PDB file of N, CA and C in Angstrom:
ATOM      1  N   MET A   1      37.459  69.846 -23.098  1.00  0.00           N
ATOM      2  CA  MET A   1      39.020  69.619 -22.344  1.00  0.00           C
ATOM      3  C   MET A   1      38.339  69.006 -20.826  1.00  0.00           C
ATOM      4  N   SER A   2      39.546  68.717 -20.146  1.00  0.00           N
ATOM      5  CA  SER A   2      38.831  68.166 -18.787  1.00  0.00           C
ATOM      6  C   SER A   2      38.775  69.917 -18.398  1.00  0.00           C
ATOM      7  N   THR A   3      37.645  69.540 -16.837  1.00  0.00           N
ATOM      8  CA  THR A   3      37.862  70.330 -15.974  1.00  0.00           C
ATOM      9  C   THR A   3      39.029  70.447 -14.911  1.00  0.00           C
ATOM     10  N   ASP A   4      39.490  69.462 -14.727  1.00  0.00           N
ATOM     11  CA  ASP A   4      40.713  69.337 -13.939  1.00  0.00           C
ATOM     12  C   ASP A   4      42.088  70.289 -14.843  1.00  0.00           C
ATOM     13  N   ARG A   5      42.232  69.636 -15.480  1.00  0.00           N
ATOM     14  CA  ARG A   5      43.117  70.691 -16.445  1.00  0.00           C
ATOM     15  C   ARG A   5      43.160  72.907 -16.174  1.00  0.00           C
ATOM     16  N   LEU A   6      42.292  72.803 -15.335  1.00  0.00           N
ATOM     17  CA  LEU A   6      41.791  73.387 -16.065  1.00  0.00           C
ATOM     18  C   LEU A   6      42.299  74.335 -14.873  1.00  0.00           C
ATOM     19  N   GLN A   7      41.486  73.587 -14.182  1.00  0.00           N
ATOM     20  CA  GLN A   7      41.341  74.058 -12.838  1.00  0.00           C
ATOM     21  C   GLN A   7      43.213  74.038 -12.134  1.00  0.00           C
ATOM     22  N   GLN A   8      43.741  73.313 -12.603  1.00  0.00           N
ATOM     23  CA  GLN A   8      45.784  73.550 -12.246  1.00  0.00           C
ATOM     24  C   GLN A   8      45.741  74.833 -13.107  1.00  0.00           C
ATOM     25  N   LEU A   9      45.214  75.012 -14.363  1.00  0.00           N
ATOM     26  CA  LEU A   9      45.427  76.311 -14.855  1.00  0.00           C
ATOM     27  C   LEU A   9      45.625  77.547 -13.869  1.00  0.00           C
ATOM     28  N   GLU A  10      44.175  77.318 -13.358  1.00  0.00           N
ATOM     29  CA  GLU A  10      43.651  78.722 -12.597  1.00  0.00           C
ATOM     30  C   GLU A  10      44.653  78.738 -11.529  1.00  0.00           C
ATOM     31  N   ALA A  11      45.200  77.800 -10.349  1.00  0.00           N
ATOM     32  CA  ALA A  11      45.462  77.565  -9.320  1.00  0.00           C
ATOM     33  C   ALA A  11      47.439  78.338  -9.826  1.00  0.00           C
ATOM     34  N   MET A  12      47.734  77.809 -10.925  1.00  0.00           N
ATOM     35  CA  MET A  12      48.107  78.597 -11.681  1.00  0.00           C
ATOM     36  C   MET A  12      49.249  79.712 -11.428  1.00  0.00           C
ATOM     37  N   TYR A  13      48.527  80.019 -12.528  1.00  0.00           N
ATOM     38  CA  TYR A  13      47.703  81.287 -12.753  1.00  0.00           C
ATOM     39  C   TYR A  13      47.881  82.451 -10.996  1.00  0.00           C
ATOM     40  N   ALA A  14      46.327  81.641  -9.850  1.00  0.00           N
ATOM     41  CA  ALA A  14      46.039  82.860  -8.940  1.00  0.00           C
ATOM     42  C   ALA A  14      47.986  82.914  -8.265  1.00  0.00           C
ATOM     43  N   GLU A  15      49.330  81.883  -8.900  1.00  0.00           N
ATOM     44  CA  GLU A  15      50.538  82.384  -7.943  1.00  0.00           C
ATOM     45  C   GLU A  15      50.857  83.385  -8.839  1.00  0.00           C
ATOM     46  N   ASN A  16      51.248  83.576  -9.880  1.00  0.00           N
ATOM     47  CA  ASN A  16      51.550  83.869 -10.678  1.00  0.00           C
ATOM     48  C   ASN A  16      50.820  84.199 -12.157  1.00  0.00           C
ATOM     49  N   PRO A  17      50.568  85.628 -12.267  1.00  0.00           N
ATOM     50  CA  PRO A  17      49.302  85.959 -12.890  1.00  0.00           C
ATOM     51  C   PRO A  17      50.502  86.602 -13.834  1.00  0.00           C
ATOM     52  N   LYS A  18      50.968  87.141 -14.033  1.00  0.00           N
ATOM     53  CA  LYS A  18      51.769  87.176 -15.411  1.00  0.00           C
ATOM     54  C   LYS A  18      52.483  85.665 -16.212  1.00  0.00           C
ATOM     55  N   GLU A  19      53.200  85.141 -15.211  1.00  0.00           N
ATOM     56  CA  GLU A  19      53.821  83.221 -16.450  1.00  0.00           C
ATOM     57  C   GLU A  19      52.852  83.727 -17.790  1.00  0.00           C
ATOM     58  N   LEU A  20      53.579  83.174 -18.445  1.00  0.00           N
ATOM     59  CA  LEU A  20      53.016  84.082 -19.897  1.00  0.00           C
ATOM     60  C   LEU A  20      52.846  82.505 -20.750  1.00  0.00           C
ATOM     61  N   PHE A  21      53.291  81.555 -20.209  1.00  0.00           N
ATOM     62  CA  PHE A  21      53.069  79.742 -20.915  1.00  0.00           C
ATOM     63  C   PHE A  21      51.397  80.147 -19.855  1.00  0.00           C
ATOM     64  N   VAL A  22      51.586  80.071 -18.732  1.00  0.00           N
ATOM     65  CA  VAL A  22      49.507  80.634 -18.107  1.00  0.00           C
ATOM     66  C   VAL A  22      49.297  80.806 -19.114  1.00  0.00           C
ATOM     67  N   LEU A  23      48.851  81.781 -19.337  1.00  0.00           N
ATOM     68  CA  LEU A  23      48.456  83.006 -19.359  1.00  0.00           C
ATOM     69  C   LEU A  23      47.025  82.241 -21.039  1.00  0.00           C
ATOM     70  N   TYR A  24      48.701  81.469 -21.491  1.00  0.00           N
ATOM     71  CA  TYR A  24      48.142  81.361 -23.104  1.00  0.00           C
ATOM     72  C   TYR A  24      47.745  79.850 -22.559  1.00  0.00           C
ATOM     73  N   ALA A  25      48.511  79.510 -21.375  1.00  0.00           N
ATOM     74  CA  ALA A  25      47.120  77.486 -21.793  1.00  0.00           C
ATOM     75  C   ALA A  25      46.106  77.911 -21.576  1.00  0.00           C
ATOM     76  N   LEU A  26      46.225  79.060 -20.399  1.00  0.00           N
ATOM     77  CA  LEU A  26      44.593  79.198 -20.098  1.00  0.00           C
ATOM     78  C   LEU A  26      43.873  79.779 -21.027  1.00  0.00           C
ATOM     79  N   ALA A  27      43.435  80.364 -22.059  1.00  0.00           N
ATOM     80  CA  ALA A  27      43.618  80.659 -23.314  1.00  0.00           C
ATOM     81  C   ALA A  27      43.091  79.766 -23.628  1.00  0.00           C
ATOM     82  N   LEU A  28      43.703  78.991 -24.324  1.00  0.00           N
ATOM     83  CA  LEU A  28      44.307  77.823 -25.340  1.00  0.00           C
ATOM     84  C   LEU A  28      43.174  76.581 -24.622  1.00  0.00           C
ATOM     85  N   GLU A  29      43.045  76.813 -23.496  1.00  0.00           N
ATOM     86  CA  GLU A  29      42.092  76.141 -23.116  1.00  0.00           C
ATOM     87  C   GLU A  29      40.315  75.988 -22.443  1.00  0.00           C
ATOM     88  N   HIS A  30      40.912  78.129 -22.895  1.00  0.00           N
ATOM     89  CA  HIS A  30      39.061  78.419 -22.998  1.00  0.00           C
ATOM     90  C   HIS A  30      38.327  78.768 -24.030  1.00  0.00           C
ATOM     91  N   VAL A  31      39.500  78.572 -25.348  1.00  0.00           N
ATOM     92  CA  VAL A  31      38.895  77.942 -26.812  1.00  0.00           C
ATOM     93  C   VAL A  31      38.484  76.872 -26.283  1.00  0.00           C
ATOM     94  N   LYS A  32      39.447  75.498 -26.392  1.00  0.00           N
ATOM     95  CA  LYS A  32      38.335  74.600 -26.128  1.00  0.00           C
ATOM     96  C   LYS A  32      37.538  74.777 -25.990  1.00  0.00           C
ATOM     97  N   LEU A  33      36.994  75.355 -24.399  1.00  0.00           N
ATOM     98  CA  LEU A  33      35.923  74.401 -24.051  1.00  0.00           C
ATOM     99  C   LEU A  33      34.236  75.937 -24.445  1.00  0.00           C
ATOM    100  N   GLY A  34      34.957  76.504 -26.480  1.00  0.00           N
ATOM    101  CA  GLY A  34      34.083  77.049 -25.965  1.00  0.00           C
ATOM    102  C   GLY A  34      34.084  78.783 -25.633  1.00  0.00           C
ATOM    103  N   ASN A  35      34.824  78.848 -24.545  1.00  0.00           N
ATOM    104  CA  ASN A  35      34.375  80.431 -23.537  1.00  0.00           C
ATOM    105  C   ASN A  35      35.192  81.857 -24.296  1.00  0.00           C
ATOM    106  N   GLU A  36      34.444  81.725 -25.120  1.00  0.00           N
ATOM    107  CA  GLU A  36      35.436  82.938 -25.747  1.00  0.00           C
ATOM    108  C   GLU A  36      35.346  84.421 -25.124  1.00  0.00           C
ATOM    109  N   GLU A  37      34.798  84.997 -24.569  1.00  0.00           N
ATOM    110  CA  GLU A  37      35.162  86.005 -24.007  1.00  0.00           C
ATOM    111  C   GLU A  37      36.504  85.734 -23.048  1.00  0.00           C
ATOM    112  N   GLN A  38      36.394  84.636 -22.297  1.00  0.00           N
ATOM    113  CA  GLN A  38      37.783  84.059 -21.288  1.00  0.00           C
ATOM    114  C   GLN A  38      39.128  84.215 -21.792  1.00  0.00           C
ATOM    115  N   SER A  39      38.816  83.201 -23.080  1.00  0.00           N
ATOM    116  CA  SER A  39      40.032  83.322 -24.488  1.00  0.00           C
ATOM    117  C   SER A  39      40.760  84.846 -24.717  1.00  0.00           C
ATOM    118  N   LEU A  40      39.632  85.572 -25.704  1.00  0.00           N
ATOM    119  CA  LEU A  40      40.074  86.837 -25.204  1.00  0.00           C
ATOM    120  C   LEU A  40      40.535  87.046 -24.080  1.00  0.00           C
ATOM    121  N   GLU A  41      40.012  87.031 -22.983  1.00  0.00           N
ATOM    122  CA  GLU A  41      40.896  87.872 -22.137  1.00  0.00           C
ATOM    123  C   GLU A  41      42.076  87.245 -22.070  1.00  0.00           C
ATOM    124  N   TYR A  42      42.547  86.624 -22.111  1.00  0.00           N
ATOM    125  CA  TYR A  42      43.775  85.663 -21.785  1.00  0.00           C
ATOM    126  C   TYR A  42      45.176  85.788 -22.747  1.00  0.00           C
ATOM    127  N   PHE A  43      43.934  85.681 -23.983  1.00  0.00           N
ATOM    128  CA  PHE A  43      45.444  86.398 -25.520  1.00  0.00           C
ATOM    129  C   PHE A  43      45.426  87.722 -24.942  1.00  0.00           C
ATOM    130  N   GLU A  44      44.742  88.570 -24.582  1.00  0.00           N
ATOM    131  CA  GLU A  44      45.416  90.138 -24.284  1.00  0.00           C
ATOM    132  C   GLU A  44      45.279  90.251 -22.889  1.00  0.00           C
ATOM    133  N   ASN A  45      45.545  89.240 -21.742  1.00  0.00           N
ATOM    134  CA  ASN A  45      46.960  89.374 -21.026  1.00  0.00           C
ATOM    135  C   ASN A  45      48.237  89.081 -21.001  1.00  0.00           C
ATOM    136  N   VAL A  46      48.494  88.302 -22.290  1.00  0.00           N
ATOM    137  CA  VAL A  46      49.933  87.365 -23.429  1.00  0.00           C
ATOM    138  C   VAL A  46      50.493  88.812 -23.215  1.00  0.00           C
ATOM    139  N   LEU A  47      49.520  89.666 -24.664  1.00  0.00           N
ATOM    140  CA  LEU A  47      50.291  90.183 -25.020  1.00  0.00           C
ATOM    141  C   LEU A  47      50.682  91.716 -24.607  1.00  0.00           C
ATOM    142  N   SER A  48      49.253  91.751 -23.379  1.00  0.00           N
ATOM    143  CA  SER A  48      49.602  92.694 -21.927  1.00  0.00           C
ATOM    144  C   SER A  48      50.944  92.923 -20.874  1.00  0.00           C
ATOM    145  N   VAL A  49      50.925  91.807 -20.976  1.00  0.00           N
ATOM    146  CA  VAL A  49      52.782  90.790 -19.828  1.00  0.00           C
ATOM    147  C   VAL A  49      53.734  90.979 -21.228  1.00  0.00           C
ATOM    148  N   SER A  50      53.525  90.610 -22.052  1.00  0.00           N
ATOM    149  CA  SER A  50      54.933  90.299 -23.206  1.00  0.00           C
ATOM    150  C   SER A  50      54.715  90.540 -24.456  1.00  0.00           C
ATOM    151  N   ARG A  51      54.760  91.642 -25.920  1.00  0.00           N
ATOM    152  CA  ARG A  51      54.468  91.225 -27.335  1.00  0.00           C
ATOM    153  C   ARG A  51      56.309  91.003 -27.585  1.00  0.00           C
ATOM    154  N   SER A  52      56.553  89.318 -26.579  1.00  0.00           N
ATOM    155  CA  SER A  52      57.663  88.987 -27.738  1.00  0.00           C
ATOM    156  C   SER A  52      57.343  87.414 -27.287  1.00  0.00           C
ATOM    157  N   TYR A  53      56.202  86.785 -26.499  1.00  0.00           N
ATOM    158  CA  TYR A  53      55.972  85.692 -26.659  1.00  0.00           C
ATOM    159  C   TYR A  53      55.272  85.549 -27.904  1.00  0.00           C
ATOM    160  N   LEU A  54      56.144  84.891 -28.774  1.00  0.00           N
ATOM    161  CA  LEU A  54      55.356  84.638 -30.492  1.00  0.00           C
ATOM    162  C   LEU A  54      54.442  83.855 -30.297  1.00  0.00           C
ATOM    163  N   PRO A  55      54.563  82.498 -29.689  1.00  0.00           N
ATOM    164  CA  PRO A  55      53.542  81.348 -29.898  1.00  0.00           C
ATOM    165  C   PRO A  55      51.950  82.230 -29.930  1.00  0.00           C
ATOM    166  N   VAL A  56      52.069  83.548 -28.708  1.00  0.00           N
ATOM    167  CA  VAL A  56      50.534  83.543 -28.568  1.00  0.00           C
ATOM    168  C   VAL A  56      49.667  84.383 -30.219  1.00  0.00           C
ATOM    169  N   PHE A  57      51.198  84.481 -31.127  1.00  0.00           N
ATOM    170  CA  PHE A  57      50.305  85.103 -32.262  1.00  0.00           C
ATOM    171  C   PHE A  57      49.921  84.675 -33.272  1.00  0.00           C
ATOM    172  N   TYR A  58      50.119  83.134 -33.581  1.00  0.00           N
ATOM    173  CA  TYR A  58      49.456  81.752 -34.475  1.00  0.00           C
ATOM    174  C   TYR A  58      47.730  82.054 -33.854  1.00  0.00           C
ATOM    175  N   GLN A  59      48.254  81.440 -32.448  1.00  0.00           N
ATOM    176  CA  GLN A  59      46.503  80.961 -32.718  1.00  0.00           C
ATOM    177  C   GLN A  59      45.903  82.308 -32.021  1.00  0.00           C
ATOM    178  N   TYR A  60      46.103  83.862 -31.786  1.00  0.00           N
ATOM    179  CA  TYR A  60      45.356  84.837 -31.278  1.00  0.00           C
ATOM    180  C   TYR A  60      44.858  84.994 -32.819  1.00  0.00           C
ATOM    181  N   ALA A  61      45.389  84.351 -33.763  1.00  0.00           N
ATOM    182  CA  ALA A  61      45.431  84.982 -35.352  1.00  0.00           C
ATOM    183  C   ALA A  61      43.972  83.881 -35.799  1.00  0.00           C
ATOM    184  N   VAL A  62      43.848  83.215 -35.750  1.00  0.00           N
ATOM    185  CA  VAL A  62      43.611  82.282 -35.690  1.00  0.00           C
ATOM    186  C   VAL A  62      41.829  82.295 -35.137  1.00  0.00           C
ATOM    187  N   PHE A  63      41.716  82.115 -33.454  1.00  0.00           N
ATOM    188  CA  PHE A  63      40.898  82.378 -32.336  1.00  0.00           C
ATOM    189  C   PHE A  63      39.894  83.575 -33.346  1.00  0.00           C
ATOM    190  N   LEU A  64      40.780  84.722 -34.157  1.00  0.00           N
ATOM    191  CA  LEU A  64      40.572  86.738 -34.347  1.00  0.00           C
ATOM    192  C   LEU A  64      39.280  86.181 -35.846  1.00  0.00           C
ATOM    193  N   HIS A  65      40.004  84.376 -35.849  1.00  0.00           N
ATOM    194  CA  HIS A  65      39.864  84.976 -37.900  1.00  0.00           C
ATOM    195  C   HIS A  65      38.145  85.050 -38.347  1.00  0.00           C
ATOM    196  N   ASP A  66      37.054  84.145 -38.290  1.00  0.00           N
ATOM    197  CA  ASP A  66      36.181  84.884 -38.163  1.00  0.00           C
ATOM    198  C   ASP A  66      35.283  86.046 -36.828  1.00  0.00           C
ATOM    199  N   LYS A  67      35.935  86.393 -36.388  1.00  0.00           N
ATOM    200  CA  LYS A  67      35.465  87.254 -35.391  1.00  0.00           C
ATOM    201  C   LYS A  67      36.371  88.946 -35.169  1.00  0.00           C
ATOM    202  N   ASP A  68      37.371  89.447 -35.857  1.00  0.00           N
ATOM    203  CA  ASP A  68      38.111  90.597 -36.241  1.00  0.00           C
ATOM    204  C   ASP A  68      39.054  90.339 -36.964  1.00  0.00           C
ATOM    205  N   ILE A  69      39.209  90.223 -38.423  1.00  0.00           N
ATOM    206  CA  ILE A  69      40.340  89.496 -39.685  1.00  0.00           C
ATOM    207  C   ILE A  69      40.995  90.580 -39.514  1.00  0.00           C
ATOM    208  N   GLN A  70      40.993  91.597 -38.935  1.00  0.00           N
ATOM    209  CA  GLN A  70      41.368  92.645 -39.587  1.00  0.00           C
ATOM    210  C   GLN A  70      42.803  92.625 -38.483  1.00  0.00           C
ATOM    211  N   LYS A  71      41.862  92.660 -36.883  1.00  0.00           N
ATOM    212  CA  LYS A  71      43.429  92.019 -36.380  1.00  0.00           C
ATOM    213  C   LYS A  71      44.063  91.265 -36.135  1.00  0.00           C
ATOM    214  N   ALA A  72      43.513  90.176 -36.950  1.00  0.00           N
ATOM    215  CA  ALA A  72      43.678  88.682 -36.956  1.00  0.00           C
ATOM    216  C   ALA A  72      44.583  89.539 -38.206  1.00  0.00           C
ATOM    217  N   ILE A  73      45.040  90.138 -38.956  1.00  0.00           N
ATOM    218  CA  ILE A  73      45.879  90.038 -39.814  1.00  0.00           C
ATOM    219  C   ILE A  73      46.362  91.044 -39.052  1.00  0.00           C
ATOM    220  N   MET A  74      46.777  91.843 -38.653  1.00  0.00           N
ATOM    221  CA  MET A  74      47.804  92.395 -37.905  1.00  0.00           C
ATOM    222  C   MET A  74      48.643  91.885 -36.767  1.00  0.00           C
ATOM    223  N   LEU A  75      47.528  91.285 -36.144  1.00  0.00           N
ATOM    224  CA  LEU A  75      48.737  90.505 -35.225  1.00  0.00           C
ATOM    225  C   LEU A  75      49.507  89.095 -36.046  1.00  0.00           C
ATOM    226  N   CYS A  76      49.363  88.348 -37.566  1.00  0.00           N
ATOM    227  CA  CYS A  76      49.033  87.607 -37.844  1.00  0.00           C
ATOM    228  C   CYS A  76      50.951  88.746 -38.808  1.00  0.00           C
ATOM    229  N   HIS A  77      51.142  90.358 -38.339  1.00  0.00           N
ATOM    230  CA  HIS A  77      51.925  91.031 -39.298  1.00  0.00           C
ATOM    231  C   HIS A  77      52.275  90.676 -38.227  1.00  0.00           C
ATOM    232  N   GLU A  78      53.209  91.930 -37.310  1.00  0.00           N
ATOM    233  CA  GLU A  78      53.795  91.504 -35.784  1.00  0.00           C
ATOM    234  C   GLU A  78      54.528  90.706 -35.464  1.00  0.00           C
ATOM    235  N   GLY A  79      54.002  89.121 -35.415  1.00  0.00           N
ATOM    236  CA  GLY A  79      54.382  87.939 -35.031  1.00  0.00           C
ATOM    237  C   GLY A  79      55.562  87.703 -36.263  1.00  0.00           C
ATOM    238  N   ILE A  80      55.151  87.932 -37.930  1.00  0.00           N
ATOM    239  CA  ILE A  80      55.890  87.543 -38.423  1.00  0.00           C
ATOM    240  C   ILE A  80      57.298  88.206 -38.724  1.00  0.00           C
ATOM    241  N   MET A  81      57.002  89.445 -38.009  1.00  0.00           N
ATOM    242  CA  MET A  81      58.434  90.296 -37.397  1.00  0.00           C
ATOM    243  C   MET A  81      59.086  89.776 -36.848  1.00  0.00           C
ATOM    244  N   LEU A  82      58.143  89.178 -35.983  1.00  0.00           N
ATOM    245  CA  LEU A  82      58.741  89.082 -34.522  1.00  0.00           C
ATOM    246  C   LEU A  82      60.146  87.643 -34.582  1.00  0.00           C
ATOM    247  N   ALA A  83      59.060  87.192 -35.667  1.00  0.00           N
ATOM    248  CA  ALA A  83      59.518  85.839 -36.087  1.00  0.00           C
ATOM    249  C   ALA A  83      60.597  85.686 -36.244  1.00  0.00           C
ATOM    250  N   SER A  84      60.806  86.660 -37.276  1.00  0.00           N
ATOM    251  CA  SER A  84      62.553  87.049 -38.202  1.00  0.00           C
ATOM    252  C   SER A  84      63.382  86.963 -37.173  1.00  0.00           C
ATOM    253  N   LYS A  85      63.185  88.187 -35.733  1.00  0.00           N
ATOM    254  CA  LYS A  85      63.757  88.616 -35.098  1.00  0.00           C
ATOM    255  C   LYS A  85      64.177  87.810 -34.304  1.00  0.00           C
ATOM    256  N   GLN A  86      63.730  86.480 -34.059  1.00  0.00           N
ATOM    257  CA  GLN A  86      64.060  85.566 -32.718  1.00  0.00           C
ATOM    258  C   GLN A  86      64.525  84.548 -33.622  1.00  0.00           C
ATOM    259  N   ASN A  87      64.865  84.108 -35.488  1.00  0.00           N
ATOM    260  CA  ASN A  87      65.053  83.461 -35.792  1.00  0.00           C
ATOM    261  C   ASN A  87      64.267  82.436 -35.829  1.00  0.00           C
ATOM    262  N   LYS A  88      63.288  82.773 -35.669  1.00  0.00           N
ATOM    263  CA  LYS A  88      61.821  80.877 -35.852  1.00  0.00           C
ATOM    264  C   LYS A  88      61.385  81.007 -37.457  1.00  0.00           C
ATOM    265  N   SER A  89      61.800  80.857 -38.142  1.00  0.00           N
ATOM    266  CA  SER A  89      61.463  80.287 -39.263  1.00  0.00           C
ATOM    267  C   SER A  89      60.248  78.903 -39.565  1.00  0.00           C
ATOM    268  N   LYS A  90      60.308  78.059 -38.726  1.00  0.00           N
ATOM    269  CA  LYS A  90      59.101  77.831 -38.799  1.00  0.00           C
ATOM    270  C   LYS A  90      57.391  78.710 -38.616  1.00  0.00           C
ATOM    271  N   THR A  91      57.864  78.687 -37.489  1.00  0.00           N
ATOM    272  CA  THR A  91      57.277  79.737 -36.472  1.00  0.00           C
ATOM    273  C   THR A  91      56.018  81.140 -38.330  1.00  0.00           C
ATOM    274  N   LYS A  92      57.684  81.674 -38.606  1.00  0.00           N
ATOM    275  CA  LYS A  92      57.279  82.749 -39.914  1.00  0.00           C
ATOM    276  C   LYS A  92      56.247  81.822 -40.286  1.00  0.00           C
ATOM    277  N   VAL A  93      56.429  80.540 -41.182  1.00  0.00           N
ATOM    278  CA  VAL A  93      56.333  80.418 -42.283  1.00  0.00           C
ATOM    279  C   VAL A  93      54.675  80.260 -41.774  1.00  0.00           C
ATOM    280  N   GLU A  94      54.317  79.429 -40.898  1.00  0.00           N
ATOM    281  CA  GLU A  94      53.217  79.429 -40.144  1.00  0.00           C
ATOM    282  C   GLU A  94      52.142  80.800 -40.569  1.00  0.00           C
ATOM    283  N   LEU A  95      52.940  81.963 -40.229  1.00  0.00           N
ATOM    284  CA  LEU A  95      52.149  82.891 -40.252  1.00  0.00           C
ATOM    285  C   LEU A  95      51.872  83.335 -40.939  1.00  0.00           C
ATOM    286  N   LEU A  96      53.140  83.429 -42.646  1.00  0.00           N
ATOM    287  CA  LEU A  96      52.559  83.849 -43.219  1.00  0.00           C
ATOM    288  C   LEU A  96      51.754  83.009 -44.595  1.00  0.00           C
ATOM    289  N   SER A  97      51.115  81.481 -44.551  1.00  0.00           N
ATOM    290  CA  SER A  97      50.803  81.407 -44.058  1.00  0.00           C
ATOM    291  C   SER A  97      49.630  81.270 -44.056  1.00  0.00           C
ATOM    292  N   LEU A  98      49.533  81.688 -42.590  1.00  0.00           N
ATOM    293  CA  LEU A  98      48.320  82.377 -42.170  1.00  0.00           C
ATOM    294  C   LEU A  98      46.990  83.333 -43.274  1.00  0.00           C
ATOM    295  N   LEU A  99      48.929  84.537 -43.476  1.00  0.00           N
ATOM    296  CA  LEU A  99      48.167  85.216 -43.176  1.00  0.00           C
ATOM    297  C   LEU A  99      47.854  85.527 -45.330  1.00  0.00           C
ATOM    298  N   ALA A 100      48.321  84.514 -45.544  1.00  0.00           N
ATOM    299  CA  ALA A 100      47.633  84.480 -46.598  1.00  0.00           C
ATOM    300  C   ALA A 100      45.488  84.280 -46.651  1.00  0.00           C
ATOM    301  N   TYR A 101      46.155  83.269 -45.579  1.00  0.00           N
ATOM    302  CA  TYR A 101      45.051  82.800 -45.737  1.00  0.00           C
ATOM    303  C   TYR A 101      43.359  83.410 -44.946  1.00  0.00           C
ATOM    304  N   LEU A 102      43.759  83.896 -44.879  1.00  0.00           N
ATOM    305  CA  LEU A 102      43.053  85.786 -44.283  1.00  0.00           C
ATOM    306  C   LEU A 102      43.458  86.761 -44.840  1.00  0.00           C
ATOM    307  N   SER A 103      43.443  86.791 -45.938  1.00  0.00           N
ATOM    308  CA  SER A 103      44.223  88.209 -46.721  1.00  0.00           C
ATOM    309  C   SER A 103      43.855  87.351 -47.431  1.00  0.00           C
ATOM    310  N   ASP A 104      42.968  86.269 -48.286  1.00  0.00           N
ATOM    311  CA  ASP A 104      41.929  85.717 -49.471  1.00  0.00           C
ATOM    312  C   ASP A 104      40.742  85.909 -49.522  1.00  0.00           C
ATOM    313  N   ASN A 105      40.301  85.476 -47.581  1.00  0.00           N
ATOM    314  CA  ASN A 105      39.508  85.750 -47.375  1.00  0.00           C
ATOM    315  C   ASN A 105      38.089  86.883 -46.776  1.00  0.00           C
ATOM    316  N   ASN A 106      39.385  87.695 -46.679  1.00  0.00           N
ATOM    317  CA  ASN A 106      38.797  89.642 -45.919  1.00  0.00           C
ATOM    318  C   ASN A 106      37.893  89.906 -46.960  1.00  0.00           C
TER     319      ASN A 106
END
């Protein structure tokens, strides 16, 4: 992905380092660039700021599937519970599907 986008996100992060969308976008951008350590850091930052940012659970679990499958499974479980609380049935179904895949490959 474009380094311009990364620079824009980093500038937004500098202005507000607790903005969940920016942290999440930085994590995804680093995934695209193959920067695993930075991806991990930003995913963890999202969760440390708020454990109610639902989009992070699926993407973080996908990121971890071949690195730490137990943590990926735990993220799916937590995301499923959160999706139920937030009445986000589509996200819940996606997380259930990912959980089944991860469980089959564990």
